[in-house]
Protein backbone atom coordinates (compact mmCIF):
# COMPACT_ATOMS: atom_id res chain seq x y z
CA MET A 1 -49.62 -40.15 -11.16
CA ASN A 2 -51.61 -43.38 -10.82
CA LEU A 3 -49.62 -44.44 -7.76
CA GLN A 4 -50.20 -41.07 -6.10
CA ASN A 5 -53.91 -41.36 -6.86
CA ASP A 6 -54.04 -44.88 -5.44
CA LEU A 7 -52.19 -43.85 -2.30
CA LEU A 8 -54.43 -40.83 -1.66
CA LYS A 9 -57.58 -42.87 -2.19
CA ARG A 10 -56.29 -45.52 0.19
CA LEU A 11 -55.76 -42.90 2.90
CA TYR A 12 -59.28 -41.53 2.35
CA PHE A 13 -60.92 -44.92 2.76
CA GLN A 14 -58.64 -46.17 5.54
CA LYS A 15 -58.35 -42.84 7.40
CA SER A 16 -54.77 -43.48 8.49
CA GLN A 17 -51.99 -45.85 7.37
CA SER A 18 -48.34 -46.53 8.10
CA CYS A 19 -45.74 -46.63 5.35
CA ALA A 20 -45.48 -50.42 5.73
CA GLU A 21 -49.25 -50.83 5.35
CA LEU A 22 -49.29 -48.66 2.25
CA SER A 23 -46.30 -50.52 0.84
CA ALA A 24 -48.02 -53.89 1.30
CA TRP A 25 -51.25 -52.65 -0.26
CA LEU A 26 -49.59 -50.94 -3.25
CA LYS A 27 -47.15 -53.87 -3.61
CA LYS A 28 -44.31 -51.39 -3.90
CA SER A 29 -41.09 -51.11 -1.94
CA ILE A 30 -40.99 -49.18 1.32
CA PRO A 31 -38.29 -46.78 -0.03
CA LEU A 32 -40.51 -45.91 -3.02
CA VAL A 33 -43.59 -45.40 -0.84
CA THR A 34 -41.57 -43.32 1.62
CA LYS A 35 -40.42 -41.11 -1.27
CA MET A 36 -44.01 -40.72 -2.49
CA LEU A 37 -45.24 -39.82 0.99
CA ASN A 38 -42.54 -37.20 1.43
CA GLU A 39 -43.45 -35.67 -1.94
CA LEU A 40 -47.14 -35.63 -1.03
CA ILE A 41 -46.32 -34.01 2.31
CA ALA A 42 -44.29 -31.38 0.48
CA ASP A 43 -47.23 -30.84 -1.91
CA GLY A 44 -49.50 -30.26 1.10
CA CYS A 45 -51.68 -33.30 0.38
CA VAL A 46 -50.68 -35.60 3.26
CA VAL A 47 -49.82 -35.06 6.92
CA THR A 48 -48.29 -37.23 9.62
CA ASP A 49 -50.63 -37.81 12.54
CA GLY A 50 -48.56 -39.52 15.20
CA PHE A 51 -47.41 -43.06 15.69
CA ALA A 52 -49.42 -46.13 14.75
CA PRO A 53 -49.99 -48.86 17.39
CA SER A 54 -46.92 -51.01 17.85
CA THR A 55 -46.90 -54.68 16.91
CA GLY A 56 -43.52 -55.08 18.54
CA GLY A 57 -40.45 -52.92 18.16
CA ARG A 58 -40.36 -49.33 17.05
CA ARG A 59 -43.75 -47.70 16.46
CA PRO A 60 -44.24 -46.57 12.83
CA LEU A 61 -45.44 -43.14 11.78
CA SER A 62 -49.02 -42.92 10.61
CA TYR A 63 -50.15 -40.83 7.61
CA SER A 64 -53.49 -39.34 6.62
CA LEU A 65 -54.96 -36.86 4.16
CA LYS A 66 -54.97 -33.21 5.12
CA PRO A 67 -58.68 -32.74 5.95
CA ASP A 68 -59.08 -29.20 4.60
CA ASN A 69 -57.19 -29.86 1.39
CA GLY A 70 -60.21 -30.47 -0.75
CA TYR A 71 -63.95 -30.89 -0.42
CA ILE A 72 -66.63 -33.09 -1.94
CA VAL A 73 -70.29 -32.38 -2.64
CA ALA A 74 -72.36 -35.48 -1.86
CA VAL A 75 -75.91 -35.61 -3.21
CA GLY A 76 -78.57 -38.24 -2.56
CA VAL A 77 -81.55 -38.13 -4.93
CA ASP A 78 -84.61 -40.33 -4.50
CA GLN A 79 -88.11 -40.25 -5.98
CA HIS A 80 -89.36 -37.73 -3.43
CA PHE A 81 -86.42 -36.01 -1.71
CA THR A 82 -83.00 -34.67 -2.62
CA THR A 83 -80.34 -34.22 0.08
CA VAL A 84 -76.94 -32.53 -0.19
CA VAL A 85 -73.97 -32.17 2.14
CA MET A 86 -70.31 -31.10 1.91
CA VAL A 87 -67.56 -33.34 3.27
CA ASP A 88 -63.81 -32.91 3.69
CA MET A 89 -60.91 -35.28 3.07
CA ALA A 90 -61.53 -36.96 6.42
CA ASN A 91 -65.09 -37.75 5.29
CA ARG A 92 -66.44 -35.34 7.89
CA GLN A 93 -69.55 -33.32 7.14
CA LEU A 94 -68.78 -29.59 6.88
CA SER A 95 -72.37 -28.51 6.55
CA ILE A 96 -75.68 -29.63 7.95
CA PRO A 97 -77.32 -31.86 5.32
CA GLN A 98 -80.13 -30.02 3.55
CA THR A 99 -83.15 -31.76 2.06
CA VAL A 100 -85.71 -30.51 -0.45
CA GLU A 101 -88.91 -32.24 -1.46
CA LEU A 102 -88.79 -32.98 -5.19
CA ASN A 103 -91.01 -35.52 -6.95
CA LEU A 104 -89.04 -36.94 -9.88
CA HIS A 105 -92.17 -38.40 -11.46
CA ARG A 106 -94.06 -35.10 -11.60
CA GLU A 107 -91.41 -32.44 -12.10
CA LYS A 108 -90.50 -32.07 -15.78
CA ASP A 109 -87.53 -29.83 -14.96
CA ALA A 110 -86.39 -31.97 -12.00
CA LEU A 111 -82.73 -32.04 -13.07
CA GLN A 112 -82.58 -28.24 -13.22
CA LYS A 113 -84.16 -28.01 -9.76
CA VAL A 114 -81.64 -30.52 -8.39
CA ALA A 115 -78.79 -28.47 -9.87
CA ASP A 116 -80.19 -25.18 -8.49
CA PHE A 117 -80.62 -26.70 -5.03
CA VAL A 118 -77.06 -28.07 -4.96
CA ARG A 119 -75.59 -24.83 -6.29
CA THR A 120 -77.40 -22.82 -3.59
CA HIS A 121 -76.11 -25.18 -0.89
CA ILE A 122 -72.53 -24.73 -2.13
CA GLN A 123 -72.89 -20.95 -2.13
CA ARG A 124 -74.31 -20.93 1.40
CA SER A 125 -71.56 -23.22 2.70
CA GLY A 126 -68.97 -20.49 2.16
CA VAL A 127 -66.52 -23.02 0.67
CA ASP A 128 -64.38 -21.74 -2.20
CA LYS A 129 -65.68 -23.63 -5.24
CA GLY A 130 -62.11 -23.89 -6.50
CA LYS A 131 -61.34 -26.20 -3.56
CA ILE A 132 -64.11 -28.65 -4.44
CA ILE A 133 -62.81 -31.85 -6.02
CA GLY A 134 -66.16 -32.84 -7.47
CA ALA A 135 -69.77 -33.77 -6.83
CA GLY A 136 -71.16 -37.29 -6.48
CA PHE A 137 -74.83 -38.05 -7.15
CA GLY A 138 -76.68 -41.18 -6.12
CA MET A 139 -79.94 -41.61 -8.05
CA PRO A 140 -82.68 -44.19 -8.48
CA GLY A 141 -83.22 -45.80 -11.85
CA PHE A 142 -81.29 -47.42 -14.67
CA ILE A 143 -78.05 -45.47 -14.89
CA ASN A 144 -75.35 -45.89 -17.51
CA VAL A 145 -72.29 -44.81 -15.55
CA LYS A 146 -70.04 -44.49 -18.62
CA GLU A 147 -72.50 -42.37 -20.59
CA GLY A 148 -73.63 -40.42 -17.52
CA VAL A 149 -77.32 -40.97 -18.31
CA ASN A 150 -80.24 -41.90 -16.07
CA TYR A 151 -82.65 -43.79 -18.34
CA THR A 152 -85.48 -43.84 -15.80
CA PHE A 153 -85.77 -40.25 -14.58
CA PHE A 154 -85.09 -36.71 -15.85
CA ASP A 155 -85.49 -35.20 -19.29
CA GLN A 156 -84.38 -37.72 -21.93
CA SER A 157 -84.35 -35.12 -24.73
CA LEU A 158 -81.39 -33.09 -23.48
CA ALA A 159 -78.65 -32.41 -26.03
CA VAL A 160 -76.07 -33.60 -23.50
CA SER A 161 -75.95 -36.36 -20.89
CA HIS A 162 -77.40 -35.78 -17.42
CA ARG A 163 -73.87 -35.83 -16.01
CA ALA A 164 -72.68 -33.24 -18.53
CA TYR A 165 -75.69 -31.05 -17.73
CA LEU A 166 -74.84 -31.11 -14.03
CA GLU A 167 -71.16 -30.44 -14.70
CA SER A 168 -72.09 -27.37 -16.74
CA ALA A 169 -74.61 -26.17 -14.15
CA LEU A 170 -72.25 -26.63 -11.18
CA GLY A 171 -68.91 -25.88 -12.84
CA MET A 172 -67.11 -28.93 -11.48
CA PRO A 173 -66.54 -32.63 -12.21
CA VAL A 174 -69.69 -34.67 -11.58
CA PHE A 175 -70.11 -38.42 -11.15
CA ILE A 176 -73.47 -40.20 -11.07
CA ASP A 177 -74.43 -43.75 -10.12
CA ASN A 178 -77.37 -45.84 -8.97
CA ASP A 179 -78.29 -45.17 -5.35
CA SER A 180 -78.20 -48.84 -4.34
CA SER A 181 -74.74 -49.29 -5.86
CA LEU A 182 -73.53 -46.30 -3.85
CA THR A 183 -75.16 -47.64 -0.69
CA ALA A 184 -73.15 -50.82 -1.24
CA LEU A 185 -69.99 -48.80 -1.87
CA ALA A 186 -70.54 -46.91 1.40
CA GLU A 187 -71.09 -50.08 3.42
CA TRP A 188 -68.04 -51.70 1.82
CA THR A 189 -65.69 -48.78 2.42
CA PHE A 190 -66.94 -47.33 5.72
CA GLY A 191 -69.67 -49.62 7.04
CA GLN A 192 -70.49 -53.15 8.10
CA ALA A 193 -69.21 -54.77 4.88
CA LYS A 194 -65.68 -53.36 5.20
CA GLY A 195 -63.16 -56.14 4.65
CA TYR A 196 -65.66 -58.61 3.20
CA LYS A 197 -64.96 -60.26 -0.15
CA ASN A 198 -68.58 -61.24 -0.79
CA ALA A 199 -71.40 -59.16 0.66
CA LEU A 200 -74.91 -58.12 -0.36
CA ILE A 201 -76.34 -54.77 0.69
CA ILE A 202 -80.13 -54.40 0.63
CA ASN A 203 -81.25 -50.80 0.16
CA ILE A 204 -84.67 -50.62 1.83
CA GLY A 205 -86.50 -47.52 0.66
CA TRP A 206 -89.20 -46.48 -1.76
CA GLY A 207 -88.07 -49.53 -3.72
CA THR A 208 -85.89 -52.46 -2.63
CA GLY A 209 -82.46 -52.12 -4.16
CA LEU A 210 -79.46 -54.40 -4.08
CA GLY A 211 -75.75 -53.67 -4.24
CA MET A 212 -73.35 -56.59 -4.58
CA ILE A 213 -69.74 -56.95 -3.52
CA LEU A 214 -68.52 -60.08 -5.28
CA ASN A 215 -64.93 -61.34 -5.28
CA GLY A 216 -63.78 -58.08 -3.71
CA GLU A 217 -65.38 -55.79 -6.32
CA LEU A 218 -68.58 -53.82 -6.73
CA PHE A 219 -70.50 -55.96 -9.21
CA ARG A 220 -72.59 -54.18 -11.85
CA GLY A 221 -73.29 -56.84 -14.49
CA ASP A 222 -72.55 -56.66 -18.22
CA SER A 223 -74.66 -53.58 -18.90
CA GLY A 224 -74.38 -52.00 -15.45
CA TYR A 225 -77.95 -52.66 -14.37
CA SER A 226 -77.49 -55.53 -11.92
CA GLY A 227 -79.19 -55.46 -8.53
CA GLU A 228 -82.85 -54.96 -9.49
CA PHE A 229 -83.93 -56.92 -6.44
CA SER A 230 -87.26 -55.07 -6.38
CA HIS A 231 -88.45 -56.70 -9.56
CA ILE A 232 -87.98 -60.41 -8.99
CA PRO A 233 -91.44 -62.02 -9.40
CA LEU A 234 -92.04 -63.20 -5.85
CA SER A 235 -95.48 -61.91 -4.98
CA ASP A 236 -98.89 -63.40 -5.78
CA ASN A 237 -100.85 -60.27 -4.79
CA GLY A 238 -101.50 -59.29 -8.42
CA VAL A 239 -100.60 -55.65 -7.71
CA LEU A 240 -99.24 -53.69 -10.66
CA CYS A 241 -95.67 -52.61 -10.00
CA GLU A 242 -94.19 -49.27 -10.99
CA CYS A 243 -92.14 -51.13 -13.62
CA GLY A 244 -95.36 -52.16 -15.41
CA LYS A 245 -95.36 -55.83 -14.38
CA ARG A 246 -97.18 -57.75 -11.67
CA GLY A 247 -95.81 -59.93 -8.90
CA CYS A 248 -92.69 -57.86 -8.14
CA LEU A 249 -91.15 -58.07 -4.69
CA GLU A 250 -91.38 -54.27 -4.51
CA THR A 251 -95.17 -54.46 -4.22
CA GLU A 252 -94.66 -56.20 -0.85
CA THR A 253 -91.51 -54.55 0.51
CA SER A 254 -91.54 -50.93 -0.67
CA LEU A 255 -91.91 -48.42 2.15
CA LEU A 256 -94.25 -46.44 -0.10
CA VAL A 257 -96.53 -49.46 -0.55
CA MET A 258 -96.48 -50.07 3.20
CA ALA A 259 -97.25 -46.41 3.91
CA GLN A 260 -100.02 -46.28 1.28
CA LYS A 261 -101.72 -49.28 2.90
CA ALA A 262 -101.74 -47.43 6.24
CA VAL A 263 -103.05 -44.23 4.66
CA ASP A 264 -105.84 -46.10 2.83
CA GLU A 265 -106.92 -47.91 6.00
CA MET A 266 -106.87 -44.69 8.01
CA ARG A 267 -109.03 -42.91 5.43
CA ALA A 268 -111.40 -45.89 5.42
CA GLY A 269 -111.77 -45.53 9.17
CA GLN A 270 -110.11 -48.87 9.94
CA VAL A 271 -107.20 -47.22 11.81
CA HIS A 272 -107.72 -44.25 14.13
CA HIS A 273 -104.73 -43.95 16.43
CA LEU A 274 -101.98 -42.79 14.03
CA PRO A 275 -101.45 -39.24 12.74
CA LEU A 276 -102.46 -39.11 9.07
CA LYS A 277 -99.55 -37.84 6.97
CA ASP A 278 -98.79 -37.68 3.29
CA VAL A 279 -97.72 -41.13 2.12
CA LYS A 280 -94.04 -40.21 1.75
CA TYR A 281 -93.88 -39.28 5.44
CA MET A 282 -95.98 -42.17 6.77
CA SER A 283 -93.14 -44.72 6.73
CA ASP A 284 -91.35 -42.70 9.43
CA VAL A 285 -94.59 -42.57 11.45
CA ILE A 286 -94.95 -46.35 11.16
CA ILE A 287 -91.33 -47.07 12.12
CA GLU A 288 -91.57 -44.75 15.12
CA GLY A 289 -94.87 -46.33 16.14
CA ALA A 290 -93.39 -49.81 15.91
CA ARG A 291 -90.48 -48.76 18.10
CA LYS A 292 -93.01 -47.68 20.73
CA GLY A 293 -94.77 -51.04 20.58
CA ASP A 294 -97.74 -50.18 18.36
CA GLN A 295 -99.02 -53.56 17.15
CA TYR A 296 -100.51 -52.26 13.90
CA CYS A 297 -97.17 -50.69 12.92
CA ILE A 298 -95.30 -53.83 13.95
CA GLU A 299 -97.59 -55.94 11.76
CA LEU A 300 -96.97 -53.70 8.75
CA LEU A 301 -93.20 -53.88 9.16
CA SER A 302 -93.30 -57.60 9.94
CA HIS A 303 -94.96 -58.28 6.59
CA VAL A 304 -92.28 -56.21 4.82
CA GLY A 305 -89.55 -58.05 6.73
CA PHE A 306 -90.94 -61.51 6.01
CA MET A 307 -91.25 -60.89 2.28
CA LEU A 308 -87.82 -59.31 2.28
CA GLY A 309 -86.46 -62.43 3.98
CA LYS A 310 -88.13 -64.60 1.36
CA GLY A 311 -86.29 -62.68 -1.34
CA ILE A 312 -83.02 -62.79 0.59
CA ALA A 313 -83.34 -66.58 0.80
CA ILE A 314 -83.13 -66.71 -3.00
CA LEU A 315 -80.04 -64.50 -3.00
CA ILE A 316 -78.33 -66.72 -0.41
CA HIS A 317 -79.06 -69.85 -2.44
CA ILE A 318 -77.60 -68.30 -5.59
CA LEU A 319 -74.65 -66.26 -4.28
CA ASN A 320 -73.73 -67.73 -0.87
CA PRO A 321 -72.52 -64.38 0.55
CA GLY A 322 -70.60 -64.06 3.79
CA LEU A 323 -72.59 -60.99 4.84
CA ILE A 324 -75.90 -59.30 4.13
CA VAL A 325 -76.43 -55.72 5.32
CA LEU A 326 -79.90 -54.20 5.66
CA SER A 327 -79.34 -50.55 4.80
CA GLY A 328 -81.19 -47.49 3.57
CA ARG A 329 -84.18 -45.61 4.97
CA GLY A 330 -85.96 -48.76 6.18
CA ALA A 331 -82.99 -49.91 8.23
CA LYS A 332 -84.15 -47.49 10.93
CA ALA A 333 -86.63 -50.21 11.92
CA GLU A 334 -83.64 -52.36 13.02
CA LYS A 335 -84.71 -55.39 15.13
CA ILE A 336 -88.36 -55.01 14.14
CA LEU A 337 -87.35 -55.97 10.60
CA MET A 338 -84.67 -58.47 11.55
CA SER A 339 -87.01 -60.86 13.37
CA PRO A 340 -89.38 -61.52 10.41
CA VAL A 341 -86.42 -61.64 8.01
CA GLN A 342 -84.90 -64.39 10.12
CA GLN A 343 -88.25 -66.16 10.33
CA ALA A 344 -88.48 -66.24 6.53
CA LEU A 345 -84.90 -67.52 6.24
CA ASN A 346 -85.70 -70.30 8.71
CA GLN A 347 -88.65 -71.25 6.54
CA TYR A 348 -87.19 -70.90 3.05
CA CYS A 349 -83.41 -71.21 3.27
CA ILE A 350 -81.31 -74.38 3.33
CA PRO A 351 -79.75 -74.38 6.84
CA ARG A 352 -76.26 -75.33 5.64
CA LEU A 353 -76.19 -72.22 3.44
CA VAL A 354 -77.76 -69.66 5.76
CA GLU A 355 -75.64 -70.66 8.76
CA HIS A 356 -72.57 -69.22 7.01
CA THR A 357 -74.24 -65.90 6.14
CA GLU A 358 -74.24 -63.13 8.74
CA ILE A 359 -77.12 -60.65 8.55
CA VAL A 360 -76.72 -57.23 10.17
CA VAL A 361 -78.39 -53.82 10.20
CA SER A 362 -76.42 -50.89 8.83
CA ARG A 363 -74.87 -48.38 11.18
CA LEU A 364 -74.93 -45.79 8.37
CA VAL A 365 -78.69 -46.30 7.75
CA GLN A 366 -79.95 -43.70 5.23
CA ASP A 367 -76.70 -41.71 5.43
CA ALA A 368 -75.17 -44.53 3.40
CA GLY A 369 -76.32 -42.87 0.18
CA LEU A 370 -74.45 -39.63 0.92
CA THR A 371 -71.37 -41.51 2.14
CA GLY A 372 -71.39 -43.53 -1.07
CA ALA A 373 -71.80 -40.42 -3.24
CA ALA A 374 -68.68 -38.90 -1.67
CA ALA A 375 -66.81 -42.20 -2.05
CA LEU A 376 -67.77 -42.25 -5.74
CA VAL A 377 -65.93 -38.96 -6.29
CA MET A 378 -62.82 -40.27 -4.54
CA GLU A 379 -62.92 -43.41 -6.68
CA ARG A 380 -63.41 -41.70 -10.03
CA ALA A 381 -61.74 -38.29 -9.87
CA HIS A 382 -58.08 -37.60 -10.60
CA ILE A 383 -57.44 -36.99 -6.94
CA TYR A 384 -53.75 -36.12 -6.93
CA GLN A 385 -54.08 -33.32 -9.48
CA ARG A 386 -57.15 -31.90 -7.78
CA ILE A 387 -55.81 -31.99 -4.21
CA ALA A 388 -52.41 -30.64 -5.26
CA ARG A 389 -54.16 -27.76 -7.05
CA VAL A 390 -56.19 -26.98 -3.92
CA ALA A 391 -52.98 -27.00 -1.84
CA SER A 392 -51.44 -24.47 -4.22
CA ILE A 393 -54.54 -22.26 -3.88
CA ARG A 394 -54.21 -22.34 -0.09
CA GLU A 395 -50.58 -21.26 -0.29
């Protein structure tokens, strides 16, 4: 069963593979892999999709997962918004992503509202719930993956874990993880970090998260809480951080902090030319304004980028990664952020170290969270049993 699971997961993350490629990756003989593929085809889990490109000689057959042979619910939860979408075995979105505004700090029954929202989306999608492999949730906060508990948000007095609550509410396997870890997983499996052994993924959003791919694995630390990039003491502004301490990087690089500064200055009459929005929408206004050349917006983002670069310089000195990906909601600013980041690296980073680190902007941007949530299900679920069961339902 483990080999079948590994093979199916490989096809999900690689889209399409030849028997020889699968054999080399599994480190199993071609006859054994051929036998497994034929069994999976007979089970309705795998299909042949033509011939792979030739490297000389006879072109090999290529194999992939049957797209409609199972579905995944991907959920991205942040402090202010929750988004859900359904994807198939080809990682294609079956439904238009839906977003609901939900403040995790203020809503005492936030977990119930998340569950109700996801359940309604599933019902409206028209997908048979029996064909759903599971649901993946990316969330902010300190999350114990093994226990299925978010120690930062949601009701801490529940009789069961947050994961167990969601499983009961949705009637399917549920997997939860930190949103920055899932952003890193998405970039590593489908994005800019694919194929890299050592890569750092910066999740620029309401906070400043960090996911780390080290020695070819998603690194979590001893207790699973690694990557709290937001809370390294790098600022001298004296501002109290959400974590209760002062001097955190988050107080300089959070999109919420940036947006609040703009809102405060607009209300004080110092800025007149931008539309005044609620703070959680102002970051999009600022990014769009910067794209159009607005100097005030560019200055706001430049400060975020420079301080972000100052923090990244520390990471480069300690970890010497081959790649750093700027991802998440803030990555929409693209080159406007990249220039001040590079300026800070020029100022604070040892040239011999930084010259071997490539820095890029994500192509997934804020969709990385949903992509990672779906990937989490494929990594953790017993895929073969679930997909084979769905195939039997179809027949």
